[in-house]
Amino acid sequence: MLQPYELVLLMMLGFIVKHTILDFWVQGRFPWMWMNKGKFMHPGGLAHSATHALGTWGLLAPFVEYFELYHGEYFLWERLLWVTLVFEFVVHYLTDYFKMKINAWRGWECNKSPYFWDLLGLDQLIHLMTYWFIITAWIGIAVRT
């Protein structure tokens, strides 16, 4: 059985790799995603956030099996997975949407304003903090079951 700190490290590593692949390499190949994230409910922004939810499902599904094996309560982990997917989808979508809206409103562009980069850094920090919140919630529940 893994120790809680080992689970935290494995999960965070998985989230960082997933995020890098989906937020940069995959999204970068589909301009209709990143060009339209500032348009509320546009399929591009929705699809981008859906790829993150799907990636999180792929990352957390093995952990569901692990937690069920060592902590029981099958339906708890299944429900927590679905709540987590919805949570990440909504937070990721709104974070990206507001980043794009603020950049457009202020006229910040990558080659013209350092504030563009400040906002991009804040966007990435929010995404990483979202993953940290998910991990601490899962580990916190596991420790108590």
N, C-alpha and C. Protein backbone atom coordinates (compact mmCIF):
# COMPACT_ATOMS: atom_id res chain seq x y z
N MET A 1 0.85 -1.19 0.00
CA MET A 1 0.00 0.00 0.00
C MET A 1 0.89 1.24 0.00
N LEU A 2 0.55 2.19 -0.84
CA LEU A 2 1.32 3.43 -0.92
C LEU A 2 1.00 4.35 0.25
N GLN A 3 1.99 5.10 0.65
CA GLN A 3 1.79 6.11 1.69
C GLN A 3 1.10 7.33 1.06
N PRO A 4 0.37 8.12 1.87
CA PRO A 4 -0.32 9.29 1.32
C PRO A 4 0.61 10.23 0.54
N TYR A 5 1.83 10.46 1.04
CA TYR A 5 2.73 11.37 0.33
C TYR A 5 3.12 10.80 -1.04
N GLU A 6 3.21 9.46 -1.14
CA GLU A 6 3.53 8.84 -2.43
C GLU A 6 2.37 9.02 -3.41
N LEU A 7 1.15 8.90 -2.91
CA LEU A 7 -0.02 9.12 -3.75
C LEU A 7 -0.06 10.57 -4.24
N VAL A 8 0.22 11.51 -3.34
CA VAL A 8 0.23 12.93 -3.71
C VAL A 8 1.24 13.17 -4.82
N LEU A 9 2.44 12.64 -4.67
CA LEU A 9 3.48 12.85 -5.68
C LEU A 9 3.10 12.22 -7.02
N LEU A 10 2.58 11.01 -6.99
CA LEU A 10 2.16 10.35 -8.23
C LEU A 10 1.05 11.11 -8.93
N MET A 11 0.06 11.52 -8.15
CA MET A 11 -1.07 12.23 -8.73
C MET A 11 -0.64 13.59 -9.29
N MET A 12 0.18 14.32 -8.54
CA MET A 12 0.60 15.65 -9.02
C MET A 12 1.45 15.53 -10.27
N LEU A 13 2.34 14.55 -10.30
CA LEU A 13 3.14 14.33 -11.50
C LEU A 13 2.23 14.04 -12.69
N GLY A 14 1.24 13.19 -12.48
CA GLY A 14 0.29 12.87 -13.55
C GLY A 14 -0.46 14.09 -14.03
N PHE A 15 -0.93 14.91 -13.09
CA PHE A 15 -1.66 16.12 -13.48
C PHE A 15 -0.77 17.11 -14.24
N ILE A 16 0.48 17.27 -13.82
CA ILE A 16 1.39 18.20 -14.51
C ILE A 16 1.66 17.73 -15.94
N VAL A 17 1.91 16.43 -16.11
CA VAL A 17 2.15 15.90 -17.45
C VAL A 17 0.89 16.04 -18.31
N LYS A 18 -0.25 15.66 -17.76
CA LYS A 18 -1.52 15.78 -18.48
C LYS A 18 -1.77 17.22 -18.90
N HIS A 19 -1.56 18.14 -17.98
CA HIS A 19 -1.83 19.55 -18.25
C HIS A 19 -0.91 20.08 -19.35
N THR A 20 0.35 19.74 -19.28
CA THR A 20 1.31 20.20 -20.30
C THR A 20 0.92 19.68 -21.68
N ILE A 21 0.60 18.41 -21.76
CA ILE A 21 0.22 17.81 -23.05
C ILE A 21 -1.03 18.47 -23.61
N LEU A 22 -2.07 18.61 -22.78
CA LEU A 22 -3.35 19.10 -23.28
C LEU A 22 -3.40 20.62 -23.44
N ASP A 23 -2.79 21.36 -22.52
CA ASP A 23 -2.89 22.82 -22.57
C ASP A 23 -1.95 23.43 -23.59
N PHE A 24 -0.90 22.73 -23.95
CA PHE A 24 0.07 23.30 -24.88
C PHE A 24 0.17 22.49 -26.17
N TRP A 25 0.53 21.22 -26.09
CA TRP A 25 0.78 20.45 -27.31
C TRP A 25 -0.49 20.15 -28.08
N VAL A 26 -1.54 19.68 -27.41
CA VAL A 26 -2.78 19.36 -28.12
C VAL A 26 -3.51 20.63 -28.52
N GLN A 27 -3.75 21.52 -27.57
CA GLN A 27 -4.49 22.74 -27.87
C GLN A 27 -3.79 23.56 -28.96
N GLY A 28 -2.47 23.59 -28.93
CA GLY A 28 -1.73 24.35 -29.92
C GLY A 28 -1.92 23.88 -31.34
N ARG A 29 -2.34 22.62 -31.52
CA ARG A 29 -2.56 22.06 -32.85
C ARG A 29 -3.96 22.36 -33.38
N PHE A 30 -4.82 22.90 -32.52
CA PHE A 30 -6.21 23.17 -32.90
C PHE A 30 -6.56 24.63 -32.62
N PRO A 31 -6.21 25.53 -33.54
CA PRO A 31 -6.45 26.96 -33.31
C PRO A 31 -7.91 27.29 -33.00
N TRP A 32 -8.86 26.53 -33.53
CA TRP A 32 -10.27 26.81 -33.25
C TRP A 32 -10.58 26.67 -31.76
N MET A 33 -9.74 25.92 -31.04
CA MET A 33 -9.92 25.84 -29.58
C MET A 33 -9.44 27.13 -28.93
N TRP A 34 -8.15 27.43 -29.08
CA TRP A 34 -7.59 28.55 -28.33
C TRP A 34 -8.03 29.91 -28.85
N MET A 35 -8.40 30.00 -30.12
CA MET A 35 -8.83 31.29 -30.65
C MET A 35 -10.23 31.68 -30.19
N ASN A 36 -11.00 30.72 -29.72
CA ASN A 36 -12.40 30.98 -29.40
C ASN A 36 -12.74 30.80 -27.93
N LYS A 37 -11.74 30.65 -27.08
CA LYS A 37 -12.02 30.45 -25.65
C LYS A 37 -12.62 31.69 -25.00
N GLY A 38 -12.49 32.85 -25.63
CA GLY A 38 -13.06 34.08 -25.09
C GLY A 38 -14.49 34.32 -25.51
N LYS A 39 -15.07 33.38 -26.27
CA LYS A 39 -16.47 33.47 -26.68
C LYS A 39 -17.25 32.48 -25.82
N PHE A 40 -18.13 33.00 -25.00
CA PHE A 40 -18.82 32.16 -24.03
C PHE A 40 -19.60 31.04 -24.71
N MET A 41 -19.37 29.83 -24.24
CA MET A 41 -20.01 28.60 -24.70
C MET A 41 -19.65 28.23 -26.15
N HIS A 42 -18.57 28.79 -26.67
CA HIS A 42 -18.12 28.39 -28.01
C HIS A 42 -17.61 26.95 -27.94
N PRO A 43 -17.89 26.15 -28.98
CA PRO A 43 -17.43 24.76 -28.97
C PRO A 43 -15.91 24.61 -28.78
N GLY A 44 -15.12 25.59 -29.22
CA GLY A 44 -13.67 25.48 -29.05
C GLY A 44 -13.26 25.45 -27.59
N GLY A 45 -13.79 26.37 -26.80
CA GLY A 45 -13.48 26.40 -25.37
C GLY A 45 -14.06 25.20 -24.64
N LEU A 46 -15.27 24.81 -25.04
CA LEU A 46 -15.90 23.64 -24.41
C LEU A 46 -15.10 22.37 -24.72
N ALA A 47 -14.67 22.24 -25.98
CA ALA A 47 -13.88 21.06 -26.36
C ALA A 47 -12.56 21.01 -25.61
N HIS A 48 -11.92 22.17 -25.48
CA HIS A 48 -10.64 22.21 -24.76
C HIS A 48 -10.83 21.77 -23.31
N SER A 49 -11.85 22.29 -22.65
CA SER A 49 -12.10 21.90 -21.26
C SER A 49 -12.50 20.44 -21.16
N ALA A 50 -13.22 19.95 -22.16
CA ALA A 50 -13.61 18.54 -22.18
C ALA A 50 -12.38 17.64 -22.31
N THR A 51 -11.37 18.07 -23.09
CA THR A 51 -10.16 17.25 -23.18
C THR A 51 -9.48 17.15 -21.82
N HIS A 52 -9.53 18.22 -21.05
CA HIS A 52 -8.93 18.18 -19.72
C HIS A 52 -9.72 17.25 -18.79
N ALA A 53 -11.05 17.31 -18.86
CA ALA A 53 -11.85 16.40 -18.04
C ALA A 53 -11.60 14.95 -18.44
N LEU A 54 -11.51 14.70 -19.74
CA LEU A 54 -11.23 13.34 -20.21
C LEU A 54 -9.84 12.89 -19.77
N GLY A 55 -8.86 13.78 -19.84
CA GLY A 55 -7.52 13.45 -19.36
C GLY A 55 -7.50 13.15 -17.88
N THR A 56 -8.29 13.89 -17.11
CA THR A 56 -8.37 13.64 -15.67
C THR A 56 -9.04 12.30 -15.41
N TRP A 57 -10.04 11.96 -16.20
CA TRP A 57 -10.66 10.64 -16.06
C TRP A 57 -9.62 9.55 -16.28
N GLY A 58 -8.82 9.69 -17.34
CA GLY A 58 -7.77 8.70 -17.61
C GLY A 58 -6.74 8.61 -16.51
N LEU A 59 -6.44 9.75 -15.91
CA LEU A 59 -5.46 9.79 -14.82
C LEU A 59 -6.03 9.19 -13.53
N LEU A 60 -7.27 9.54 -13.19
CA LEU A 60 -7.82 9.14 -11.89
C LEU A 60 -8.47 7.76 -11.88
N ALA A 61 -8.85 7.23 -13.04
CA ALA A 61 -9.52 5.92 -13.06
C ALA A 61 -8.69 4.84 -12.36
N PRO A 62 -7.38 4.74 -12.60
CA PRO A 62 -6.61 3.74 -11.85
C PRO A 62 -6.58 4.01 -10.35
N PHE A 63 -6.63 5.28 -9.97
CA PHE A 63 -6.65 5.60 -8.55
C PHE A 63 -7.98 5.21 -7.92
N VAL A 64 -9.07 5.27 -8.69
CA VAL A 64 -10.37 4.79 -8.18
C VAL A 64 -10.24 3.33 -7.81
N GLU A 65 -9.64 2.54 -8.69
CA GLU A 65 -9.43 1.12 -8.41
C GLU A 65 -8.56 0.92 -7.17
N TYR A 66 -7.51 1.70 -7.08
CA TYR A 66 -6.59 1.60 -5.94
C TYR A 66 -7.32 1.93 -4.63
N PHE A 67 -8.04 3.06 -4.62
CA PHE A 67 -8.72 3.47 -3.39
C PHE A 67 -9.83 2.49 -3.01
N GLU A 68 -10.52 1.93 -4.00
CA GLU A 68 -11.54 0.93 -3.70
C GLU A 68 -10.91 -0.31 -3.08
N LEU A 69 -9.76 -0.71 -3.58
CA LEU A 69 -9.08 -1.89 -3.07
C LEU A 69 -8.64 -1.69 -1.62
N TYR A 70 -8.04 -0.55 -1.33
CA TYR A 70 -7.46 -0.33 -0.01
C TYR A 70 -8.37 0.43 0.96
N HIS A 71 -9.38 1.12 0.44
CA HIS A 71 -10.24 1.92 1.32
C HIS A 71 -11.72 1.58 1.19
N GLY A 72 -12.06 0.67 0.28
CA GLY A 72 -13.44 0.22 0.14
C GLY A 72 -14.36 1.31 -0.40
N GLU A 73 -15.65 1.12 -0.16
CA GLU A 73 -16.68 2.09 -0.52
C GLU A 73 -16.65 2.43 -2.01
N TYR A 74 -16.96 1.43 -2.82
CA TYR A 74 -16.90 1.56 -4.28
C TYR A 74 -17.62 2.80 -4.79
N PHE A 75 -18.87 2.98 -4.40
CA PHE A 75 -19.66 4.07 -4.97
C PHE A 75 -19.15 5.44 -4.55
N LEU A 76 -18.49 5.53 -3.41
CA LEU A 76 -17.89 6.80 -2.99
C LEU A 76 -16.88 7.27 -4.03
N TRP A 77 -15.99 6.39 -4.45
CA TRP A 77 -14.92 6.77 -5.37
C TRP A 77 -15.45 7.02 -6.77
N GLU A 78 -16.46 6.26 -7.19
CA GLU A 78 -17.07 6.50 -8.50
C GLU A 78 -17.74 7.87 -8.52
N ARG A 79 -18.50 8.18 -7.48
CA ARG A 79 -19.16 9.51 -7.41
C ARG A 79 -18.14 10.62 -7.33
N LEU A 80 -17.10 10.42 -6.54
CA LEU A 80 -16.06 11.44 -6.41
C LEU A 80 -15.38 11.69 -7.75
N LEU A 81 -15.18 10.65 -8.53
CA LEU A 81 -14.57 10.82 -9.85
C LEU A 81 -15.45 11.72 -10.72
N TRP A 82 -16.75 11.47 -10.76
CA TRP A 82 -17.64 12.28 -11.60
C TRP A 82 -17.73 13.72 -11.10
N VAL A 83 -17.79 13.91 -9.81
CA VAL A 83 -17.80 15.27 -9.26
C VAL A 83 -16.50 15.99 -9.64
N THR A 84 -15.39 15.28 -9.56
CA THR A 84 -14.09 15.86 -9.91
C THR A 84 -14.05 16.27 -11.37
N LEU A 85 -14.58 15.44 -12.25
CA LEU A 85 -14.57 15.75 -13.68
C LEU A 85 -15.39 17.00 -13.99
N VAL A 86 -16.56 17.10 -13.39
CA VAL A 86 -17.40 18.29 -13.59
C VAL A 86 -16.70 19.52 -13.02
N PHE A 87 -16.14 19.38 -11.82
CA PHE A 87 -15.42 20.49 -11.18
C PHE A 87 -14.28 20.97 -12.07
N GLU A 88 -13.46 20.05 -12.56
CA GLU A 88 -12.34 20.49 -13.39
C GLU A 88 -12.81 21.12 -14.68
N PHE A 89 -13.82 20.54 -15.31
CA PHE A 89 -14.34 21.11 -16.55
C PHE A 89 -14.78 22.56 -16.34
N VAL A 90 -15.57 22.80 -15.32
CA VAL A 90 -16.11 24.15 -15.07
C VAL A 90 -15.00 25.13 -14.71
N VAL A 91 -14.12 24.74 -13.79
CA VAL A 91 -13.04 25.65 -13.37
C VAL A 91 -12.10 25.93 -14.54
N HIS A 92 -11.75 24.91 -15.30
CA HIS A 92 -10.84 25.11 -16.43
C HIS A 92 -11.48 26.03 -17.47
N TYR A 93 -12.75 25.77 -17.78
CA TYR A 93 -13.44 26.58 -18.78
C TYR A 93 -13.51 28.04 -18.35
N LEU A 94 -13.95 28.29 -17.13
CA LEU A 94 -14.10 29.68 -16.67
C LEU A 94 -12.76 30.39 -16.54
N THR A 95 -11.74 29.69 -16.10
CA THR A 95 -10.41 30.29 -15.99
C THR A 95 -9.92 30.74 -17.37
N ASP A 96 -10.01 29.86 -18.35
CA ASP A 96 -9.56 30.20 -19.69
C ASP A 96 -10.43 31.30 -20.32
N TYR A 97 -11.73 31.21 -20.11
CA TYR A 97 -12.65 32.21 -20.66
C TYR A 97 -12.31 33.60 -20.14
N PHE A 98 -12.18 33.73 -18.82
CA PHE A 98 -11.89 35.05 -18.26
C PHE A 98 -10.49 35.54 -18.62
N LYS A 99 -9.53 34.63 -18.75
CA LYS A 99 -8.20 35.04 -19.20
C LYS A 99 -8.29 35.67 -20.58
N MET A 100 -9.00 35.02 -21.47
CA MET A 100 -9.13 35.55 -22.83
C MET A 100 -9.91 36.86 -22.86
N LYS A 101 -10.97 36.95 -22.07
CA LYS A 101 -11.77 38.18 -22.03
C LYS A 101 -10.96 39.35 -21.49
N ILE A 102 -10.20 39.13 -20.44
CA ILE A 102 -9.38 40.20 -19.85
C ILE A 102 -8.30 40.64 -20.84
N ASN A 103 -7.64 39.68 -21.47
CA ASN A 103 -6.62 40.04 -22.47
C ASN A 103 -7.21 40.88 -23.59
N ALA A 104 -8.39 40.48 -24.09
CA ALA A 104 -9.03 41.23 -25.18
C ALA A 104 -9.47 42.61 -24.70
N TRP A 105 -10.07 42.68 -23.53
CA TRP A 105 -10.56 43.94 -22.97
C TRP A 105 -9.43 44.94 -22.77
N ARG A 106 -8.31 44.45 -22.26
CA ARG A 106 -7.17 45.33 -21.99
C ARG A 106 -6.24 45.50 -23.20
N GLY A 107 -6.45 44.71 -24.23
CA GLY A 107 -5.60 44.80 -25.41
C GLY A 107 -4.20 44.23 -25.20
N TRP A 108 -4.09 43.28 -24.27
CA TRP A 108 -2.80 42.68 -23.98
C TRP A 108 -2.50 41.58 -25.00
N GLU A 109 -1.35 41.69 -25.63
CA GLU A 109 -0.91 40.68 -26.59
C GLU A 109 0.48 40.21 -26.20
N CYS A 110 0.81 38.99 -26.60
CA CYS A 110 2.07 38.38 -26.14
C CYS A 110 3.30 39.17 -26.56
N ASN A 111 3.25 39.85 -27.68
CA ASN A 111 4.43 40.58 -28.14
C ASN A 111 4.37 42.09 -27.85
N LYS A 112 3.34 42.51 -27.07
CA LYS A 112 3.19 43.94 -26.81
C LYS A 112 3.07 44.31 -25.34
N SER A 113 2.74 43.35 -24.49
CA SER A 113 2.49 43.71 -23.10
C SER A 113 2.99 42.63 -22.14
N PRO A 114 3.72 43.04 -21.10
CA PRO A 114 4.13 42.06 -20.10
C PRO A 114 2.93 41.54 -19.30
N TYR A 115 1.83 42.30 -19.30
CA TYR A 115 0.66 41.87 -18.55
C TYR A 115 0.01 40.63 -19.15
N PHE A 116 0.18 40.46 -20.46
CA PHE A 116 -0.28 39.23 -21.09
C PHE A 116 0.36 38.03 -20.39
N TRP A 117 1.66 38.12 -20.15
CA TRP A 117 2.40 37.02 -19.54
C TRP A 117 2.05 36.87 -18.06
N ASP A 118 1.78 38.00 -17.40
CA ASP A 118 1.33 37.93 -16.01
C ASP A 118 0.02 37.15 -15.92
N LEU A 119 -0.90 37.47 -16.82
CA LEU A 119 -2.20 36.81 -16.81
C LEU A 119 -2.08 35.33 -17.19
N LEU A 120 -1.20 35.03 -18.13
CA LEU A 120 -0.96 33.63 -18.48
C LEU A 120 -0.40 32.86 -17.28
N GLY A 121 0.52 33.49 -16.56
CA GLY A 121 1.06 32.86 -15.35
C GLY A 121 -0.01 32.62 -14.31
N LEU A 122 -0.91 33.60 -14.13
CA LEU A 122 -2.02 33.43 -13.18
C LEU A 122 -2.94 32.30 -13.63
N ASP A 123 -3.22 32.24 -14.91
CA ASP A 123 -4.03 31.17 -15.48
C ASP A 123 -3.43 29.80 -15.16
N GLN A 124 -2.13 29.66 -15.38
CA GLN A 124 -1.47 28.38 -15.11
C GLN A 124 -1.44 28.07 -13.62
N LEU A 125 -1.25 29.08 -12.79
CA LEU A 125 -1.28 28.88 -11.34
C LEU A 125 -2.65 28.39 -10.89
N ILE A 126 -3.71 28.97 -11.42
CA ILE A 126 -5.06 28.53 -11.07
C ILE A 126 -5.26 27.07 -11.47
N HIS A 127 -4.79 26.70 -12.66
CA HIS A 127 -4.93 25.30 -13.08
C HIS A 127 -4.17 24.36 -12.13
N LEU A 128 -2.95 24.72 -11.78
CA LEU A 128 -2.17 23.87 -10.86
C LEU A 128 -2.81 23.81 -9.47
N MET A 129 -3.35 24.93 -9.01
CA MET A 129 -4.03 24.94 -7.71
C MET A 129 -5.30 24.09 -7.76
N THR A 130 -5.96 24.05 -8.90
CA THR A 130 -7.13 23.18 -9.07
C THR A 130 -6.72 21.73 -8.88
N TYR A 131 -5.61 21.35 -9.48
CA TYR A 131 -5.13 19.97 -9.33
C TYR A 131 -4.73 19.69 -7.89
N TRP A 132 -4.09 20.65 -7.25
CA TRP A 132 -3.71 20.47 -5.84
C TRP A 132 -4.95 20.28 -4.98
N PHE A 133 -6.00 21.05 -5.24
CA PHE A 133 -7.24 20.92 -4.49
C PHE A 133 -7.84 19.53 -4.70
N ILE A 134 -7.88 19.07 -5.94
CA ILE A 134 -8.42 17.73 -6.24
C ILE A 134 -7.63 16.66 -5.49
N ILE A 135 -6.32 16.75 -5.54
CA ILE A 135 -5.48 15.75 -4.88
C ILE A 135 -5.69 15.76 -3.37
N THR A 136 -5.69 16.93 -2.77
CA THR A 136 -5.86 16.97 -1.31
C THR A 136 -7.25 16.49 -0.90
N ALA A 137 -8.26 16.75 -1.73
CA ALA A 137 -9.60 16.23 -1.42
C ALA A 137 -9.60 14.71 -1.48
N TRP A 138 -9.02 14.14 -2.52
CA TRP A 138 -9.00 12.68 -2.66
C TRP A 138 -8.20 12.02 -1.54
N ILE A 139 -7.03 12.56 -1.25
CA ILE A 139 -6.20 11.96 -0.20
C ILE A 139 -6.86 12.16 1.16
N GLY A 140 -7.45 13.32 1.38
CA GLY A 140 -8.15 13.57 2.65
C GLY A 140 -9.28 12.59 2.88
N ILE A 141 -10.04 12.30 1.84
CA ILE A 141 -11.13 11.32 1.96
C ILE A 141 -10.55 9.93 2.17
N ALA A 142 -9.49 9.59 1.46
CA ALA A 142 -8.88 8.26 1.60
C ALA A 142 -8.37 8.03 3.02
N VAL A 143 -7.76 9.04 3.60
CA VAL A 143 -7.20 8.91 4.95
C VAL A 143 -8.31 8.69 5.97
N ARG A 144 -9.50 9.23 5.70
CA ARG A 144 -10.60 9.13 6.65
C ARG A 144 -11.48 7.89 6.45
N THR A 145 -11.26 7.13 5.36
CA THR A 145 -12.12 5.95 5.13
C THR A 145 -11.41 4.68 5.56
